[in-house]
Amino acid sequence: MFEYTDHSQTAYSVREQGNRFTVCSAWGRAIMACNDLASASHYASLLNEAFKAGYKSGYHDARKGQNR
């Protein structure tokens, strides 16, 4: 079984399931399935970037709240 994961902290990864590639969350939930690895990897990358941006934004907002 093929499993693509970036070794940095990622929230989404690609897993091969039969002849399909599934984008899964770190919690094991299937987000979407694609016919090819390139598409699944692209979507996983986009989701990871959005996750990082949201995480950083939340962190910075929390830090601003502490400095009041």
N, C-alpha and C. Protein backbone atom coordinates (compact mmCIF):
# COMPACT_ATOMS: atom_id res chain seq x y z
N MET A 1 0.84 -1.18 0.00
CA MET A 1 0.00 0.00 0.00
C MET A 1 0.89 1.24 0.00
N PHE A 2 0.60 2.18 -0.87
CA PHE A 2 1.34 3.43 -0.98
C PHE A 2 0.75 4.45 -0.02
N GLU A 3 1.59 5.18 0.68
CA GLU A 3 1.12 6.28 1.51
C GLU A 3 2.11 7.42 1.40
N TYR A 4 1.63 8.57 0.91
CA TYR A 4 2.48 9.74 0.79
C TYR A 4 2.24 10.63 1.98
N THR A 5 3.28 10.93 2.73
CA THR A 5 3.17 11.91 3.80
C THR A 5 4.44 12.73 3.82
N ASP A 6 4.29 14.00 3.96
CA ASP A 6 5.42 14.89 4.17
C ASP A 6 5.84 14.69 5.63
N HIS A 7 7.13 14.64 5.90
CA HIS A 7 7.56 14.33 7.25
C HIS A 7 7.49 15.51 8.20
N SER A 8 7.14 16.69 7.72
CA SER A 8 6.87 17.79 8.63
C SER A 8 5.45 17.57 9.17
N GLN A 9 5.00 18.46 10.03
CA GLN A 9 3.66 18.29 10.58
C GLN A 9 2.64 18.58 9.51
N THR A 10 1.92 17.56 9.09
CA THR A 10 0.89 17.74 8.08
C THR A 10 -0.44 17.23 8.60
N ALA A 11 -1.47 17.91 8.22
CA ALA A 11 -2.80 17.53 8.64
C ALA A 11 -3.45 16.60 7.63
N TYR A 12 -2.96 16.59 6.39
CA TYR A 12 -3.58 15.80 5.33
C TYR A 12 -2.51 14.98 4.61
N SER A 13 -2.86 13.77 4.23
CA SER A 13 -1.94 12.89 3.53
C SER A 13 -2.70 12.14 2.44
N VAL A 14 -1.94 11.48 1.57
CA VAL A 14 -2.52 10.73 0.46
C VAL A 14 -2.28 9.25 0.72
N ARG A 15 -3.32 8.46 0.58
CA ARG A 15 -3.22 7.00 0.73
C ARG A 15 -3.78 6.33 -0.51
N GLU A 16 -3.09 5.30 -0.96
CA GLU A 16 -3.58 4.51 -2.09
C GLU A 16 -4.55 3.48 -1.56
N GLN A 17 -5.72 3.43 -2.17
CA GLN A 17 -6.73 2.45 -1.80
C GLN A 17 -7.25 1.83 -3.09
N GLY A 18 -6.72 0.65 -3.39
CA GLY A 18 -7.07 0.00 -4.65
C GLY A 18 -6.46 0.77 -5.79
N ASN A 19 -7.28 1.21 -6.72
CA ASN A 19 -6.78 1.98 -7.86
C ASN A 19 -7.07 3.47 -7.72
N ARG A 20 -7.39 3.91 -6.49
CA ARG A 20 -7.70 5.31 -6.21
C ARG A 20 -6.73 5.85 -5.17
N PHE A 21 -6.59 7.16 -5.14
CA PHE A 21 -5.75 7.83 -4.15
C PHE A 21 -6.65 8.72 -3.30
N THR A 22 -6.65 8.47 -2.01
CA THR A 22 -7.55 9.16 -1.10
C THR A 22 -6.78 10.18 -0.27
N VAL A 23 -7.30 11.40 -0.22
CA VAL A 23 -6.74 12.44 0.64
C VAL A 23 -7.42 12.28 1.99
N CYS A 24 -6.62 12.03 3.03
CA CYS A 24 -7.15 11.77 4.37
C CYS A 24 -6.61 12.79 5.37
N SER A 25 -7.41 13.07 6.37
CA SER A 25 -6.96 13.95 7.45
C SER A 25 -6.07 13.15 8.39
N ALA A 26 -5.35 13.85 9.24
CA ALA A 26 -4.49 13.19 10.23
C ALA A 26 -5.31 12.33 11.18
N TRP A 27 -6.58 12.58 11.26
CA TRP A 27 -7.48 11.83 12.14
C TRP A 27 -8.12 10.65 11.42
N GLY A 28 -7.71 10.41 10.15
CA GLY A 28 -8.17 9.24 9.41
C GLY A 28 -9.43 9.44 8.58
N ARG A 29 -9.98 10.63 8.55
CA ARG A 29 -11.19 10.88 7.77
C ARG A 29 -10.84 11.10 6.30
N ALA A 30 -11.51 10.40 5.41
CA ALA A 30 -11.31 10.57 3.97
C ALA A 30 -11.97 11.87 3.53
N ILE A 31 -11.19 12.73 2.90
CA ILE A 31 -11.70 14.02 2.44
C ILE A 31 -12.18 13.93 1.00
N MET A 32 -11.36 13.28 0.15
CA MET A 32 -11.72 13.12 -1.25
C MET A 32 -10.90 12.00 -1.85
N ALA A 33 -11.33 11.49 -2.99
CA ALA A 33 -10.60 10.44 -3.70
C ALA A 33 -10.33 10.91 -5.13
N CYS A 34 -9.15 10.57 -5.63
CA CYS A 34 -8.75 10.96 -6.99
C CYS A 34 -8.28 9.72 -7.75
N ASN A 35 -8.30 9.82 -9.07
CA ASN A 35 -7.85 8.71 -9.91
C ASN A 35 -6.33 8.65 -10.06
N ASP A 36 -5.64 9.78 -9.78
CA ASP A 36 -4.19 9.78 -9.96
C ASP A 36 -3.49 10.43 -8.77
N LEU A 37 -2.26 10.03 -8.56
CA LEU A 37 -1.46 10.52 -7.43
C LEU A 37 -1.19 12.01 -7.53
N ALA A 38 -0.94 12.51 -8.73
CA ALA A 38 -0.63 13.94 -8.88
C ALA A 38 -1.78 14.81 -8.39
N SER A 39 -3.00 14.48 -8.76
CA SER A 39 -4.16 15.27 -8.32
C SER A 39 -4.34 15.19 -6.81
N ALA A 40 -4.27 13.99 -6.26
CA ALA A 40 -4.44 13.80 -4.82
C ALA A 40 -3.35 14.56 -4.05
N SER A 41 -2.12 14.48 -4.52
CA SER A 41 -1.02 15.18 -3.86
C SER A 41 -1.22 16.69 -3.91
N HIS A 42 -1.72 17.17 -5.04
CA HIS A 42 -1.98 18.61 -5.20
C HIS A 42 -3.04 19.07 -4.19
N TYR A 43 -4.14 18.32 -4.09
CA TYR A 43 -5.20 18.70 -3.16
C TYR A 43 -4.72 18.61 -1.71
N ALA A 44 -3.92 17.58 -1.38
CA ALA A 44 -3.38 17.45 -0.03
C ALA A 44 -2.48 18.65 0.28
N SER A 45 -1.68 19.06 -0.68
CA SER A 45 -0.80 20.21 -0.50
C SER A 45 -1.61 21.48 -0.25
N LEU A 46 -2.66 21.70 -1.02
CA LEU A 46 -3.51 22.88 -0.83
C LEU A 46 -4.17 22.86 0.55
N LEU A 47 -4.67 21.70 0.95
CA LEU A 47 -5.31 21.59 2.26
C LEU A 47 -4.31 21.83 3.39
N ASN A 48 -3.10 21.32 3.24
CA ASN A 48 -2.07 21.53 4.26
C ASN A 48 -1.68 23.00 4.36
N GLU A 49 -1.59 23.69 3.23
CA GLU A 49 -1.27 25.12 3.25
C GLU A 49 -2.39 25.91 3.93
N ALA A 50 -3.63 25.57 3.62
CA ALA A 50 -4.76 26.25 4.26
C ALA A 50 -4.78 25.96 5.76
N PHE A 51 -4.47 24.73 6.14
CA PHE A 51 -4.42 24.37 7.56
C PHE A 51 -3.34 25.16 8.28
N LYS A 52 -2.15 25.25 7.67
CA LYS A 52 -1.04 26.00 8.28
C LYS A 52 -1.40 27.48 8.42
N ALA A 53 -2.02 28.04 7.40
CA ALA A 53 -2.40 29.46 7.44
C ALA A 53 -3.42 29.71 8.55
N GLY A 54 -4.39 28.83 8.69
CA GLY A 54 -5.38 28.97 9.75
C GLY A 54 -4.78 28.78 11.13
N TYR A 55 -3.87 27.83 11.23
CA TYR A 55 -3.20 27.57 12.51
C TYR A 55 -2.36 28.77 12.93
N LYS A 56 -1.60 29.33 11.98
CA LYS A 56 -0.76 30.49 12.28
C LYS A 56 -1.62 31.69 12.64
N SER A 57 -2.70 31.88 11.92
CA SER A 57 -3.59 33.01 12.19
C SER A 57 -4.18 32.88 13.59
N GLY A 58 -4.63 31.69 13.94
CA GLY A 58 -5.19 31.47 15.28
C GLY A 58 -4.15 31.68 16.36
N TYR A 59 -2.93 31.26 16.11
CA TYR A 59 -1.84 31.43 17.07
C TYR A 59 -1.55 32.91 17.29
N HIS A 60 -1.46 33.66 16.18
CA HIS A 60 -1.17 35.09 16.29
C HIS A 60 -2.33 35.84 16.95
N ASP A 61 -3.56 35.46 16.64
CA ASP A 61 -4.71 36.09 17.29
C ASP A 61 -4.70 35.81 18.78
N ALA A 62 -4.33 34.61 19.18
CA ALA A 62 -4.29 34.27 20.60
C ALA A 62 -3.18 35.06 21.30
N ARG A 63 -2.05 35.22 20.63
CA ARG A 63 -0.94 35.98 21.21
C ARG A 63 -1.35 37.45 21.40
N LYS A 64 -2.08 38.01 20.43
CA LYS A 64 -2.53 39.39 20.54
C LYS A 64 -3.46 39.55 21.75
N GLY A 65 -4.31 38.56 21.96
CA GLY A 65 -5.24 38.59 23.10
C GLY A 65 -4.54 38.55 24.43
N GLN A 66 -3.38 37.90 24.50
CA GLN A 66 -2.63 37.81 25.75
C GLN A 66 -1.93 39.12 26.08
N ASN A 67 -1.64 39.92 25.07
CA ASN A 67 -0.89 41.17 25.26
C ASN A 67 -1.78 42.35 25.61
N ARG A 68 -3.04 42.14 25.79
CA ARG A 68 -3.96 43.25 26.08
C ARG A 68 -3.76 43.77 27.46
